[in-house]
């Protein structure tokens, strides 16, 4: 019995020594750690200018609520004034009151007629703009019901691509500072935005082509969200190509894997 126990202990010891040796061998042959370039990308949004066009079901529900509100509402001051003036007119016709300045004043009906006349002349601005008809993707005056996202043309490798503005991180900067600097370098001072916090909202990485690799194997991009404060006079210099696209248009414009990453933080 003691012989079997000693033999089992010896087998376990040999197994542990074998594993330790294989671990040391593996550690000496491990690949060197890959290095990546860090980039900050900026999502610039132009929020909707007008409300969404109602769907048929929404129109029906709105009409129902309006009817309920009308049936349960109290009379307005204008309606009460019309009733008072109607009784005064009946008394005037019956000769029970004299024709004085009270009868010559502007009545509620006069005001109502003036309001209706002014309303008939009012023409709301069209939801479909000239930029929509021309499909001018550089204009902010398009797709007023939707959120638009800024893309700028950038050179990656030997090809130009339309992407969210992105720039290489510099030593000593926070990623938020890199994002602000990148946006200014691409778009100038006229593009005023508000950033949503200091933390990235999204991430994307890609590897460089083998012939383009030096000390790094690829890029890791951390995206920051921002919203347009006001319509800019111009964006960047005259050579900068840019587009303001809706979410549906982004899917057609961007590479599939890039869009999948970006779509995670689109609203």
Protein backbone atom coordinates (compact mmCIF):
# COMPACT_ATOMS: atom_id res chain seq x y z
CA UNK A 1 0.00 0.00 0.00
CA UNK A 2 2.83 2.37 0.92
CA UNK A 3 4.52 1.51 -2.40
CA UNK A 4 1.44 2.52 -4.38
CA UNK A 5 1.17 5.81 -2.51
CA UNK A 6 4.81 6.69 -3.18
CA UNK A 7 4.36 5.82 -6.83
CA UNK A 8 1.31 8.09 -7.14
CA UNK A 9 3.20 10.97 -5.52
CA UNK A 10 6.08 10.47 -7.94
CA UNK A 11 3.70 10.56 -10.94
CA UNK A 12 2.10 13.80 -9.74
CA UNK A 13 5.53 15.36 -9.24
CA UNK A 14 6.63 14.44 -12.76
CA UNK A 15 3.38 15.90 -14.17
CA UNK A 16 3.91 19.21 -12.36
CA UNK A 17 7.52 19.44 -13.54
CA UNK A 18 6.41 18.73 -17.12
CA UNK A 19 3.74 21.48 -17.01
CA UNK A 20 6.20 23.98 -15.55
CA UNK A 21 8.69 23.23 -18.31
CA UNK A 22 6.06 23.63 -21.03
CA UNK A 23 4.93 26.94 -19.50
CA UNK A 24 8.49 28.28 -19.52
CA UNK A 25 8.94 27.19 -23.13
CA UNK A 26 5.66 28.86 -24.13
CA UNK A 27 6.60 32.09 -22.40
CA UNK A 28 9.91 32.29 -24.21
CA UNK A 29 8.22 31.79 -27.61
CA UNK A 30 5.26 34.20 -27.01
CA UNK A 31 4.67 36.80 -29.70
CA UNK A 32 5.67 40.40 -28.92
CA UNK A 33 2.79 42.65 -27.86
CA UNK A 34 1.15 44.46 -30.78
CA UNK A 35 1.13 48.25 -30.72
CA UNK A 36 -1.81 50.33 -31.99
CA UNK A 37 -2.26 53.99 -32.90
CA UNK A 38 -4.92 55.76 -30.82
CA UNK A 39 -7.40 58.02 -32.62
CA UNK A 40 -10.30 60.19 -31.45
CA UNK A 41 -13.34 60.39 -33.72
CA UNK A 42 -16.18 62.92 -33.48
CA UNK A 43 -19.87 62.33 -34.12
CA UNK A 44 -21.38 65.73 -35.01
CA UNK A 45 -25.18 65.74 -35.13
CA UNK A 46 -27.62 68.29 -36.49
CA UNK A 47 -30.80 67.59 -34.56
CA UNK A 48 -34.24 67.66 -36.27
CA UNK A 49 -35.56 71.13 -37.11
CA UNK A 50 -39.26 70.22 -37.32
CA UNK A 51 -41.40 67.53 -35.74
CA UNK A 52 -41.95 64.21 -37.48
CA UNK A 53 -44.85 63.85 -39.90
CA UNK A 54 -47.58 61.92 -38.08
CA UNK A 55 -48.46 58.40 -39.12
CA UNK A 56 -52.16 57.68 -39.94
CA UNK A 57 -52.67 56.00 -36.56
CA UNK A 58 -51.13 58.98 -34.78
CA UNK A 59 -53.42 61.37 -36.68
CA UNK A 60 -56.50 59.36 -35.65
CA UNK A 61 -55.40 59.32 -32.01
CA UNK A 62 -54.68 63.07 -32.08
CA UNK A 63 -58.13 63.80 -33.55
CA UNK A 64 -59.78 61.66 -30.89
CA UNK A 65 -57.98 63.49 -28.07
CA UNK A 66 -58.89 66.87 -29.60
CA UNK A 67 -62.56 65.87 -29.75
CA UNK A 68 -62.53 64.68 -26.12
CA UNK A 69 -60.86 67.92 -25.03
CA UNK A 70 -63.43 69.99 -26.94
CA UNK A 71 -66.37 68.14 -25.40
CA UNK A 72 -65.05 68.45 -21.84
CA UNK A 73 -63.63 71.97 -22.07
CA UNK A 74 -65.13 75.10 -20.52
CA UNK A 75 -66.04 78.17 -22.54
CA UNK A 76 -63.20 80.54 -23.31
CA UNK A 77 -63.25 84.28 -22.55
CA UNK A 78 -63.85 84.94 -26.25
CA UNK A 79 -66.96 82.71 -26.29
CA UNK A 80 -68.32 84.30 -23.11
CA UNK A 81 -67.77 87.74 -24.61
CA UNK A 82 -69.71 86.77 -27.76
CA UNK A 83 -72.67 85.64 -25.63
CA UNK A 84 -72.67 88.90 -23.67
CA UNK A 85 -72.58 90.97 -26.87
CA UNK A 86 -75.37 88.88 -28.36
CA UNK A 87 -77.64 89.67 -25.39
CA UNK A 88 -76.70 93.35 -25.62
CA UNK A 89 -77.65 93.37 -29.30
CA UNK A 90 -81.05 91.84 -28.52
CA UNK A 91 -81.67 94.48 -25.84
CA UNK A 92 -80.60 97.20 -28.26
CA UNK A 93 -83.07 95.97 -30.88
CA UNK A 94 -85.82 95.87 -28.24
CA UNK A 95 -85.07 99.48 -27.34
CA UNK A 96 -84.22 98.61 -23.78
CA UNK A 97 -80.75 100.18 -24.00
CA UNK A 98 -79.49 103.24 -25.84
CA UNK A 99 -77.01 103.22 -28.74
CA UNK A 100 -73.82 104.51 -27.17
CA UNK A 101 -70.10 104.00 -27.39
CA UNK A 102 -70.48 100.49 -26.01
CA UNK A 103 -72.37 99.44 -29.12
CA UNK A 104 -69.83 101.04 -31.45
CA UNK A 105 -66.75 99.32 -30.06
CA UNK A 106 -64.98 96.44 -31.84
CA UNK A 107 -66.98 93.34 -31.09
CA UNK A 108 -65.80 89.77 -30.54
CA UNK A 109 -67.21 88.87 -33.94
CA UNK A 110 -65.15 91.63 -35.55
CA UNK A 111 -62.02 90.22 -33.90
CA UNK A 112 -62.92 86.69 -34.99
CA UNK A 113 -63.36 87.81 -38.59
CA UNK A 114 -60.00 89.61 -38.50
CA UNK A 115 -58.27 86.54 -37.05
CA UNK A 116 -59.78 84.25 -39.69
CA UNK A 117 -58.71 86.63 -42.44
CA UNK A 118 -55.13 86.70 -41.13
CA UNK A 119 -55.08 82.91 -40.77
CA UNK A 120 -56.25 82.42 -44.35
CA UNK A 121 -53.21 84.38 -45.57
CA UNK A 122 -50.72 82.33 -43.52
CA UNK A 123 -48.71 79.81 -45.53
CA UNK A 124 -46.50 77.40 -43.53
CA UNK A 125 -42.99 76.78 -44.82
CA UNK A 126 -42.65 73.54 -46.81
CA UNK A 127 -41.08 70.52 -45.15
CA UNK A 128 -39.36 69.58 -48.41
CA UNK A 129 -36.69 72.19 -49.13
CA UNK A 130 -34.71 73.19 -52.20
CA UNK A 131 -31.75 71.22 -50.83
CA UNK A 132 -33.97 68.13 -50.69
CA UNK A 133 -35.03 68.54 -54.30
CA UNK A 134 -31.42 69.00 -55.44
CA UNK A 135 -30.13 66.28 -53.08
CA UNK A 136 -27.49 68.72 -51.85
CA UNK A 137 -25.78 66.60 -49.18
CA UNK A 138 -23.48 69.49 -48.18
CA UNK A 139 -26.46 71.58 -47.05
CA UNK A 140 -27.92 71.57 -43.55
CA UNK A 141 -31.27 72.68 -45.01
CA UNK A 142 -32.33 69.14 -45.88
CA UNK A 143 -34.23 66.31 -44.20
CA UNK A 144 -35.56 68.69 -41.56
CA UNK A 145 -37.41 65.89 -39.75
CA UNK A 146 -34.29 63.76 -39.25
CA UNK A 147 -30.96 63.89 -37.44
CA UNK A 148 -28.02 64.49 -39.79
CA UNK A 149 -24.45 63.32 -39.18
CA UNK A 150 -21.29 65.00 -40.51
CA UNK A 151 -18.87 62.99 -42.64
CA UNK A 152 -15.62 64.40 -44.01
CA UNK A 153 -13.35 62.98 -46.70
CA UNK A 154 -10.14 61.51 -45.28
CA UNK A 155 -7.26 59.59 -46.81
CA UNK A 156 -6.61 56.12 -45.42
CA UNK A 157 -3.76 54.38 -47.16
CA UNK A 158 -4.01 55.15 -50.86
CA UNK A 159 -7.78 55.75 -50.92
CA UNK A 160 -10.12 58.52 -49.82
CA UNK A 161 -13.09 57.66 -47.62
CA UNK A 162 -15.98 59.59 -46.10
CA UNK A 163 -15.80 59.01 -42.33
CA UNK A 164 -16.56 60.72 -39.06
CA UNK A 165 -13.77 63.25 -38.43
CA UNK A 166 -10.90 61.46 -36.68
CA UNK A 167 -7.37 62.45 -35.64
CA UNK A 168 -4.28 60.85 -34.12
CA UNK A 169 -3.84 61.19 -30.37
CA UNK A 170 -0.85 63.25 -29.23
CA UNK A 171 1.15 62.70 -26.04
CA UNK A 172 -0.13 64.82 -23.15
CA UNK A 173 -3.67 65.15 -24.55
CA UNK A 174 -6.80 63.56 -23.21
CA UNK A 175 -8.90 61.81 -25.86
CA UNK A 176 -11.54 64.54 -25.45
CA UNK A 177 -8.90 67.18 -26.23
CA UNK A 178 -7.81 65.17 -29.27
CA UNK A 179 -11.43 65.10 -30.47
CA UNK A 180 -11.79 68.88 -30.07
CA UNK A 181 -8.51 69.57 -31.85
CA UNK A 182 -9.39 67.17 -34.69
CA UNK A 183 -12.75 68.81 -35.30
CA UNK A 184 -11.16 72.27 -35.37
CA UNK A 185 -8.43 71.14 -37.79
CA UNK A 186 -10.98 69.71 -40.21
CA UNK A 187 -13.84 72.17 -39.89
CA UNK A 188 -12.38 75.44 -38.59
CA UNK A 189 -13.76 77.75 -35.91
CA UNK A 190 -17.16 78.34 -37.52
CA UNK A 191 -18.43 74.87 -36.58
CA UNK A 192 -19.53 75.33 -32.96
CA UNK A 193 -20.58 72.16 -31.13
CA UNK A 194 -21.36 70.96 -27.62
CA UNK A 195 -19.69 67.71 -26.51
CA UNK A 196 -21.62 65.18 -24.43
CA UNK A 197 -19.14 64.52 -21.61
CA UNK A 198 -15.53 63.38 -21.50
CA UNK A 199 -16.04 59.65 -22.05
CA UNK A 200 -16.16 57.99 -25.48
CA UNK A 201 -19.53 56.65 -26.67
CA UNK A 202 -18.16 54.16 -29.20
CA UNK A 203 -15.13 52.26 -30.44
CA UNK A 204 -13.78 50.86 -33.71
CA UNK A 205 -10.46 49.31 -34.69
CA UNK A 206 -8.89 48.31 -37.98
CA UNK A 207 -5.52 46.97 -39.11
CA UNK A 208 -3.27 48.70 -41.59
CA UNK A 209 -2.33 46.93 -44.83
CA UNK A 210 0.83 44.84 -44.39
CA UNK A 211 2.87 47.14 -46.63
CA UNK A 212 1.83 50.21 -44.60
CA UNK A 213 2.72 48.86 -41.16
CA UNK A 214 5.74 50.27 -39.34
CA UNK A 215 5.83 50.20 -35.54
CA UNK A 216 2.05 49.82 -35.20
CA UNK A 217 -0.33 47.26 -36.66
CA UNK A 218 -3.47 49.36 -36.85
CA UNK A 219 -5.69 52.05 -35.34
CA UNK A 220 -8.11 52.10 -32.43
CA UNK A 221 -10.69 54.88 -32.73
CA UNK A 222 -12.63 56.20 -29.72
CA UNK A 223 -15.71 58.22 -30.71
CA UNK A 224 -17.09 61.27 -28.89
CA UNK A 225 -20.62 62.58 -29.38
CA UNK A 226 -21.39 66.26 -30.03
CA UNK A 227 -24.34 68.33 -31.22
CA UNK A 228 -24.32 71.36 -33.51
CA UNK A 229 -25.01 74.64 -31.69
CA UNK A 230 -25.91 76.77 -34.71
CA UNK A 231 -25.69 76.71 -38.47
CA UNK A 232 -22.05 77.39 -39.48
CA UNK A 233 -21.13 79.86 -42.19
CA UNK A 234 -18.81 77.36 -43.87
CA UNK A 235 -17.03 74.16 -42.93
CA UNK A 236 -13.24 74.02 -43.28
CA UNK A 237 -11.53 75.27 -46.40
CA UNK A 238 -12.89 75.10 -49.92
CA UNK A 239 -11.04 71.84 -50.60
CA UNK A 240 -12.69 69.92 -47.76
CA UNK A 241 -15.38 67.56 -49.02
CA UNK A 242 -18.11 66.83 -46.51
CA UNK A 243 -21.63 65.46 -46.29
CA UNK A 244 -24.56 65.75 -43.90
CA UNK A 245 -26.31 62.38 -44.03
CA UNK A 246 -29.26 60.74 -42.32
CA UNK A 247 -28.93 57.37 -40.64
CA UNK A 248 -30.34 55.56 -43.67
CA UNK A 249 -27.87 57.32 -45.96
CA UNK A 250 -24.98 56.51 -43.62
CA UNK A 251 -25.63 52.80 -44.03
CA UNK A 252 -25.24 53.13 -47.79
CA UNK A 253 -22.16 55.36 -47.59
CA UNK A 254 -20.04 53.65 -44.92
CA UNK A 255 -18.19 50.36 -44.90
CA UNK A 256 -20.31 47.60 -43.32
CA UNK A 257 -18.08 46.89 -40.31
CA UNK A 258 -17.50 50.62 -39.70
CA UNK A 259 -21.24 51.33 -39.88
CA UNK A 260 -22.00 48.49 -37.46
CA UNK A 261 -19.75 50.15 -34.89
CA UNK A 262 -21.08 53.66 -35.53
CA UNK A 263 -24.74 52.58 -35.52
CA UNK A 264 -24.40 51.42 -31.90
CA UNK A 265 -24.35 55.02 -30.66
CA UNK A 266 -26.66 56.66 -33.21
CA UNK A 267 -30.01 57.84 -31.84
